[in-house]
Amino acid sequence: MTHMPTTHPPKTTTSDDVPPISRLLALAFDDDPMMRWFFPEDTTRGAGLSRYFATLLTRQYLVHGVCEHTASAAAFWVPPEGREKAVPDATTVQQLQEILGERAPLFRDAVEAAAQHGPREAHWYLAVIGADPAARGQGHGAALLRSGLARADAAGLPVYLESSKPSNLPLYEHFGFTVLTELRLPGGGPALWAMRREPRPGSAQDR
């Protein structure tokens, strides 16, 4: 099979990119079951999601992760050495609680439930990936996946993620992920699928 170069080369995300990336991800996750559970009001969801992603990006992933974007998608990765540091500190937790309001306890319980199924081995973690709905199917998300997976493959490490959108599972499976477990989040929340991908040293990702 001939591998074509990506037409959406990933760019490193910086603090200057926080506002547009946060707005992009708010659009990307507007129909996500878990985000709709955290932000149930249609009229305020967009603003809430923008603040939510801006906080995570600024306080966690730009500091302790690897953040990349294209013109219409963004991805936040956590390398193994950033795993412990990427846990939200007290200030981040307080900011998220203010953003989530009365839904904050549900968010806390969801994070704790997902953490119980988290891997103990060294790994790369795909924390967030999303594309503008207007650009879905154009390869933006795939370009970001290839970039992050190439890093993990080069290190010989597996990759983990959690997906709360069942329609995304086939895409991840196409890139080598398999479902480890399906869990229902506490408090009547949506399903969450934990997925793992074995490292593929020397493999090409441009498929």
C-alpha atoms as a PDB file:
ATOM      1  CA  MET A   1       0.000   0.000   0.000  1.00  0.00           C
ATOM      2  CA  THR A   2       1.289   3.452  -0.892  1.00  0.00           C
ATOM      3  CA  HIS A   3       1.465   5.843   2.040  1.00  0.00           C
ATOM      4  CA  MET A   4       0.608   9.422   1.213  1.00  0.00           C
ATOM      5  CA  PRO A   5       2.012  12.319   3.225  1.00  0.00           C
ATOM      6  CA  THR A   6      -0.498  14.065   5.432  1.00  0.00           C
ATOM      7  CA  THR A   7      -2.064  17.227   4.070  1.00  0.00           C
ATOM      8  CA  HIS A   8      -2.668  18.459   7.622  1.00  0.00           C
ATOM      9  CA  PRO A   9       0.756  18.573   9.295  1.00  0.00           C
ATOM     10  CA  PRO A  10       0.327  18.906  13.072  1.00  0.00           C
ATOM     11  CA  LYS A  11       1.573  22.065  14.731  1.00  0.00           C
ATOM     12  CA  THR A  12       2.730  22.414  18.323  1.00  0.00           C
ATOM     13  CA  THR A  13       0.098  24.162  20.417  1.00  0.00           C
ATOM     14  CA  THR A  14       1.220  27.162  22.479  1.00  0.00           C
ATOM     15  CA  SER A  15      -0.466  29.478  24.963  1.00  0.00           C
ATOM     16  CA  ASP A  16      -1.359  31.817  22.102  1.00  0.00           C
ATOM     17  CA  ASP A  17      -3.494  29.040  20.634  1.00  0.00           C
ATOM     18  CA  VAL A  18      -5.623  28.508  23.749  1.00  0.00           C
ATOM     19  CA  PRO A  19      -8.650  30.644  22.750  1.00  0.00           C
ATOM     20  CA  PRO A  20      -9.152  29.237  19.224  1.00  0.00           C
ATOM     21  CA  ILE A  21      -8.349  25.652  20.281  1.00  0.00           C
ATOM     22  CA  SER A  22     -10.809  25.881  23.181  1.00  0.00           C
ATOM     23  CA  ARG A  23     -13.549  27.136  20.860  1.00  0.00           C
ATOM     24  CA  LEU A  24     -12.714  24.396  18.347  1.00  0.00           C
ATOM     25  CA  LEU A  25     -12.965  21.676  20.981  1.00  0.00           C
ATOM     26  CA  ALA A  26     -16.224  23.125  22.284  1.00  0.00           C
ATOM     27  CA  LEU A  27     -17.680  22.563  18.810  1.00  0.00           C
ATOM     28  CA  ALA A  28     -16.078  19.124  18.551  1.00  0.00           C
ATOM     29  CA  PHE A  29     -17.515  17.894  21.859  1.00  0.00           C
ATOM     30  CA  ASP A  30     -20.938  19.518  21.676  1.00  0.00           C
ATOM     31  CA  ASP A  31     -22.540  16.162  20.769  1.00  0.00           C
ATOM     32  CA  ASP A  32     -20.356  14.019  23.041  1.00  0.00           C
ATOM     33  CA  PRO A  33     -22.544  12.079  25.523  1.00  0.00           C
ATOM     34  CA  MET A  34     -20.265  12.671  28.487  1.00  0.00           C
ATOM     35  CA  MET A  35     -19.891  16.403  27.816  1.00  0.00           C
ATOM     36  CA  ARG A  36     -23.639  16.723  27.410  1.00  0.00           C
ATOM     37  CA  TRP A  37     -23.961  15.037  30.780  1.00  0.00           C
ATOM     38  CA  PHE A  38     -21.552  17.517  32.365  1.00  0.00           C
ATOM     39  CA  PHE A  39     -23.071  20.489  30.486  1.00  0.00           C
ATOM     40  CA  PRO A  40     -26.749  19.620  29.964  1.00  0.00           C
ATOM     41  CA  GLU A  41     -28.009  23.104  28.994  1.00  0.00           C
ATOM     42  CA  ASP A  42     -27.902  23.722  25.252  1.00  0.00           C
ATOM     43  CA  THR A  43     -27.762  27.500  25.683  1.00  0.00           C
ATOM     44  CA  THR A  44     -24.664  27.501  27.898  1.00  0.00           C
ATOM     45  CA  ARG A  45     -22.825  24.357  26.806  1.00  0.00           C
ATOM     46  CA  GLY A  46     -20.605  26.051  24.245  1.00  0.00           C
ATOM     47  CA  ALA A  47     -19.322  28.677  26.659  1.00  0.00           C
ATOM     48  CA  GLY A  48     -18.882  26.106  29.416  1.00  0.00           C
ATOM     49  CA  LEU A  49     -16.940  23.739  27.192  1.00  0.00           C
ATOM     50  CA  SER A  50     -14.692  26.542  25.970  1.00  0.00           C
ATOM     51  CA  ARG A  51     -13.795  27.476  29.551  1.00  0.00           C
ATOM     52  CA  TYR A  52     -13.380  23.805  30.475  1.00  0.00           C
ATOM     53  CA  PHE A  53     -10.907  23.069  27.678  1.00  0.00           C
ATOM     54  CA  ALA A  54      -9.064  26.371  28.165  1.00  0.00           C
ATOM     55  CA  THR A  55      -8.495  25.486  31.817  1.00  0.00           C
ATOM     56  CA  LEU A  56      -7.282  21.954  31.072  1.00  0.00           C
ATOM     57  CA  LEU A  57      -5.056  23.114  28.254  1.00  0.00           C
ATOM     58  CA  THR A  58      -3.508  26.021  30.165  1.00  0.00           C
ATOM     59  CA  ARG A  59      -3.039  24.398  33.554  1.00  0.00           C
ATOM     60  CA  GLN A  60      -2.370  20.766  32.648  1.00  0.00           C
ATOM     61  CA  TYR A  61      -1.615  19.696  29.123  1.00  0.00           C
ATOM     62  CA  LEU A  62       0.502  22.611  27.914  1.00  0.00           C
ATOM     63  CA  VAL A  63       2.621  22.184  31.039  1.00  0.00           C
ATOM     64  CA  HIS A  64       2.877  18.413  31.369  1.00  0.00           C
ATOM     65  CA  GLY A  65       1.702  17.039  28.028  1.00  0.00           C
ATOM     66  CA  VAL A  66       2.220  17.168  24.284  1.00  0.00           C
ATOM     67  CA  CYS A  67      -0.376  19.332  22.551  1.00  0.00           C
ATOM     68  CA  GLU A  68      -0.793  19.568  18.798  1.00  0.00           C
ATOM     69  CA  HIS A  69      -3.356  20.939  16.400  1.00  0.00           C
ATOM     70  CA  THR A  70      -4.204  21.369  12.754  1.00  0.00           C
ATOM     71  CA  ALA A  71      -6.460  24.029  11.267  1.00  0.00           C
ATOM     72  CA  SER A  72      -9.547  22.097  12.390  1.00  0.00           C
ATOM     73  CA  ALA A  73      -8.568  19.621  15.132  1.00  0.00           C
ATOM     74  CA  ALA A  74      -6.584  19.370  18.345  1.00  0.00           C
ATOM     75  CA  ALA A  75      -5.116  16.606  20.498  1.00  0.00           C
ATOM     76  CA  PHE A  76      -3.635  16.515  24.001  1.00  0.00           C
ATOM     77  CA  TRP A  77      -1.299  13.649  24.910  1.00  0.00           C
ATOM     78  CA  VAL A  78       0.346  12.754  28.213  1.00  0.00           C
ATOM     79  CA  PRO A  79       3.704  10.944  28.014  1.00  0.00           C
ATOM     80  CA  PRO A  80       4.626   8.463  30.737  1.00  0.00           C
ATOM     81  CA  GLU A  81       6.901  10.935  32.511  1.00  0.00           C
ATOM     82  CA  GLY A  82       4.039  13.442  32.772  1.00  0.00           C
ATOM     83  CA  ARG A  83       1.455  11.074  34.162  1.00  0.00           C
ATOM     84  CA  GLU A  84       1.726  11.994  37.838  1.00  0.00           C
ATOM     85  CA  LYS A  85       2.273  15.693  37.172  1.00  0.00           C
ATOM     86  CA  ALA A  86      -0.807  15.931  34.934  1.00  0.00           C
ATOM     87  CA  VAL A  87      -3.146  15.202  37.842  1.00  0.00           C
ATOM     88  CA  PRO A  88      -5.117  18.430  38.471  1.00  0.00           C
ATOM     89  CA  ASP A  89      -3.827  20.495  41.382  1.00  0.00           C
ATOM     90  CA  ALA A  90      -6.083  22.252  43.889  1.00  0.00           C
ATOM     91  CA  THR A  91      -6.342  25.461  41.850  1.00  0.00           C
ATOM     92  CA  THR A  92      -7.270  23.568  38.692  1.00  0.00           C
ATOM     93  CA  VAL A  93      -9.881  21.549  40.561  1.00  0.00           C
ATOM     94  CA  GLN A  94     -11.378  24.749  41.979  1.00  0.00           C
ATOM     95  CA  GLN A  95     -11.554  26.345  38.541  1.00  0.00           C
ATOM     96  CA  LEU A  96     -13.203  23.272  37.048  1.00  0.00           C
ATOM     97  CA  GLN A  97     -15.721  23.175  39.894  1.00  0.00           C
ATOM     98  CA  GLU A  98     -16.650  26.789  39.190  1.00  0.00           C
ATOM     99  CA  ILE A  99     -17.105  26.018  35.505  1.00  0.00           C
ATOM    100  CA  LEU A 100     -19.179  22.873  36.114  1.00  0.00           C
ATOM    101  CA  GLY A 101     -21.274  24.312  38.938  1.00  0.00           C
ATOM    102  CA  GLU A 102     -23.739  21.801  40.357  1.00  0.00           C
ATOM    103  CA  ARG A 103     -22.411  19.142  37.943  1.00  0.00           C
ATOM    104  CA  ALA A 104     -18.956  19.245  39.563  1.00  0.00           C
ATOM    105  CA  PRO A 105     -19.605  16.227  41.848  1.00  0.00           C
ATOM    106  CA  LEU A 106     -20.583  14.141  38.809  1.00  0.00           C
ATOM    107  CA  PHE A 107     -17.363  15.159  37.086  1.00  0.00           C
ATOM    108  CA  ARG A 108     -15.317  14.212  40.163  1.00  0.00           C
ATOM    109  CA  ASP A 109     -17.006  10.817  40.410  1.00  0.00           C
ATOM    110  CA  ALA A 110     -16.505  10.181  36.696  1.00  0.00           C
ATOM    111  CA  VAL A 111     -12.783  10.968  36.917  1.00  0.00           C
ATOM    112  CA  GLU A 112     -12.394   8.669  39.913  1.00  0.00           C
ATOM    113  CA  ALA A 113     -14.302   5.851  38.213  1.00  0.00           C
ATOM    114  CA  ALA A 114     -12.190   6.088  35.070  1.00  0.00           C
ATOM    115  CA  ALA A 115      -8.983   6.202  37.116  1.00  0.00           C
ATOM    116  CA  GLN A 116      -9.829   2.855  38.700  1.00  0.00           C
ATOM    117  CA  HIS A 117      -9.518   1.271  35.263  1.00  0.00           C
ATOM    118  CA  GLY A 118      -6.372   3.152  34.325  1.00  0.00           C
ATOM    119  CA  PRO A 119      -3.231   1.241  33.368  1.00  0.00           C
ATOM    120  CA  ARG A 120      -0.316   0.825  35.754  1.00  0.00           C
ATOM    121  CA  GLU A 121       2.288   0.154  33.077  1.00  0.00           C
ATOM    122  CA  ALA A 122       4.253   2.908  31.363  1.00  0.00           C
ATOM    123  CA  HIS A 123       2.207   4.302  28.507  1.00  0.00           C
ATOM    124  CA  TRP A 124       1.176   7.290  26.437  1.00  0.00           C
ATOM    125  CA  TYR A 125      -2.297   8.614  27.194  1.00  0.00           C
ATOM    126  CA  LEU A 126      -4.517  10.304  24.628  1.00  0.00           C
ATOM    127  CA  ALA A 127      -6.391  12.704  26.891  1.00  0.00           C
ATOM    128  CA  VAL A 128      -8.328  14.736  24.326  1.00  0.00           C
ATOM    129  CA  ILE A 129      -8.809  14.670  20.571  1.00  0.00           C
ATOM    130  CA  GLY A 130     -11.501  16.447  18.616  1.00  0.00           C
ATOM    131  CA  ALA A 131     -12.222  17.966  15.230  1.00  0.00           C
ATOM    132  CA  ASP A 132     -14.524  20.745  14.117  1.00  0.00           C
ATOM    133  CA  PRO A 133     -17.721  19.036  12.882  1.00  0.00           C
ATOM    134  CA  ALA A 134     -17.501  21.071   9.683  1.00  0.00           C
ATOM    135  CA  ALA A 135     -14.153  19.424   8.895  1.00  0.00           C
ATOM    136  CA  ARG A 136     -14.834  15.843   9.960  1.00  0.00           C
ATOM    137  CA  GLY A 137     -13.793  13.288   7.404  1.00  0.00           C
ATOM    138  CA  GLN A 138     -11.025  15.512   6.028  1.00  0.00           C
ATOM    139  CA  GLY A 139      -8.208  13.759   7.893  1.00  0.00           C
ATOM    140  CA  HIS A 140      -7.411  16.330  10.571  1.00  0.00           C
ATOM    141  CA  GLY A 141      -7.995  13.972  13.486  1.00  0.00           C
ATOM    142  CA  ALA A 142      -6.201  11.139  11.716  1.00  0.00           C
ATOM    143  CA  ALA A 143      -3.126  13.325  11.208  1.00  0.00           C
ATOM    144  CA  LEU A 144      -2.999  14.067  14.931  1.00  0.00           C
ATOM    145  CA  LEU A 145      -3.490  10.409  15.814  1.00  0.00           C
ATOM    146  CA  ARG A 146      -0.623   9.383  13.548  1.00  0.00           C
ATOM    147  CA  SER A 147       1.668  11.967  15.085  1.00  0.00           C
ATOM    148  CA  GLY A 148       1.053  10.856  18.657  1.00  0.00           C
ATOM    149  CA  LEU A 149       1.084   7.159  17.871  1.00  0.00           C
ATOM    150  CA  ALA A 150       4.415   7.554  16.108  1.00  0.00           C
ATOM    151  CA  ARG A 151       5.916   8.916  19.343  1.00  0.00           C
ATOM    152  CA  ALA A 152       4.574   6.003  21.345  1.00  0.00           C
ATOM    153  CA  ASP A 153       5.776   3.498  18.739  1.00  0.00           C
ATOM    154  CA  ALA A 154       9.235   5.039  18.736  1.00  0.00           C
ATOM    155  CA  ALA A 155       9.360   4.557  22.504  1.00  0.00           C
ATOM    156  CA  GLY A 156       7.942   1.033  22.279  1.00  0.00           C
ATOM    157  CA  LEU A 157       5.033   1.967  24.554  1.00  0.00           C
ATOM    158  CA  PRO A 158       1.294   1.261  24.439  1.00  0.00           C
ATOM    159  CA  VAL A 159      -1.329   3.999  24.198  1.00  0.00           C
ATOM    160  CA  TYR A 160      -4.511   4.319  26.252  1.00  0.00           C
ATOM    161  CA  LEU A 161      -7.628   6.404  25.854  1.00  0.00           C
ATOM    162  CA  GLU A 162     -11.220   6.578  27.041  1.00  0.00           C
ATOM    163  CA  SER A 163     -14.030   7.262  24.608  1.00  0.00           C
ATOM    164  CA  SER A 164     -17.576   8.197  25.568  1.00  0.00           C
ATOM    165  CA  LYS A 165     -18.797   8.327  21.972  1.00  0.00           C
ATOM    166  CA  PRO A 166     -19.540   4.885  20.496  1.00  0.00           C
ATOM    167  CA  SER A 167     -19.353   6.144  16.918  1.00  0.00           C
ATOM    168  CA  ASN A 168     -15.645   6.888  17.458  1.00  0.00           C
ATOM    169  CA  LEU A 169     -14.738   3.308  18.386  1.00  0.00           C
ATOM    170  CA  PRO A 170     -14.319   2.071  14.771  1.00  0.00           C
ATOM    171  CA  LEU A 171     -11.880   4.906  14.052  1.00  0.00           C
ATOM    172  CA  TYR A 172      -9.739   4.011  17.027  1.00  0.00           C
ATOM    173  CA  GLU A 173      -9.925   0.316  16.128  1.00  0.00           C
ATOM    174  CA  HIS A 174      -8.704   1.207  12.635  1.00  0.00           C
ATOM    175  CA  PHE A 175      -5.584   2.645  14.264  1.00  0.00           C
ATOM    176  CA  GLY A 176      -4.997  -0.500  16.316  1.00  0.00           C
ATOM    177  CA  PHE A 177      -6.898   0.154  19.544  1.00  0.00           C
ATOM    178  CA  THR A 178      -8.967  -2.547  21.199  1.00  0.00           C
ATOM    179  CA  VAL A 179     -11.635  -2.139  23.863  1.00  0.00           C
ATOM    180  CA  LEU A 180     -10.463  -3.256  27.291  1.00  0.00           C
ATOM    181  CA  THR A 181     -13.655  -2.583  29.199  1.00  0.00           C
ATOM    182  CA  GLU A 182     -16.951  -0.752  29.045  1.00  0.00           C
ATOM    183  CA  LEU A 183     -18.045   0.995  32.194  1.00  0.00           C
ATOM    184  CA  ARG A 184     -21.084   3.021  33.137  1.00  0.00           C
ATOM    185  CA  LEU A 185     -20.192   6.223  34.922  1.00  0.00           C
ATOM    186  CA  PRO A 186     -21.723   6.675  38.382  1.00  0.00           C
ATOM    187  CA  GLY A 187     -24.775   8.823  38.962  1.00  0.00           C
ATOM    188  CA  GLY A 188     -26.568   7.622  35.839  1.00  0.00           C
ATOM    189  CA  GLY A 189     -23.835   8.790  33.498  1.00  0.00           C
ATOM    190  CA  PRO A 190     -23.096   7.553  29.977  1.00  0.00           C
ATOM    191  CA  ALA A 191     -20.928   4.602  29.025  1.00  0.00           C
ATOM    192  CA  LEU A 192     -17.167   4.958  28.758  1.00  0.00           C
ATOM    193  CA  TRP A 193     -14.924   2.638  26.764  1.00  0.00           C
ATOM    194  CA  ALA A 194     -11.318   2.159  27.885  1.00  0.00           C
ATOM    195  CA  MET A 195      -9.077   1.268  24.932  1.00  0.00           C
ATOM    196  CA  ARG A 196      -5.471   0.165  24.530  1.00  0.00           C
ATOM    197  CA  ARG A 197      -3.129  -0.026  21.569  1.00  0.00           C
ATOM    198  CA  GLU A 198      -0.003  -2.169  21.478  1.00  0.00           C
ATOM    199  CA  PRO A 199       3.177  -0.450  20.279  1.00  0.00           C
ATOM    200  CA  ARG A 200       4.153  -0.987  16.685  1.00  0.00           C
ATOM    201  CA  PRO A 201       7.853  -0.137  16.456  1.00  0.00           C
ATOM    202  CA  GLY A 202       8.873   0.788  12.944  1.00  0.00           C
ATOM    203  CA  SER A 203       5.326   0.787  11.572  1.00  0.00           C
ATOM    204  CA  ALA A 204       4.012   3.496   9.268  1.00  0.00           C
ATOM    205  CA  GLN A 205       0.953   5.396  10.453  1.00  0.00           C
ATOM    206  CA  ASP A 206      -0.008   7.043   7.163  1.00  0.00           C
ATOM    207  CA  ARG A 207      -2.718   4.584   6.227  1.00  0.00           C
END
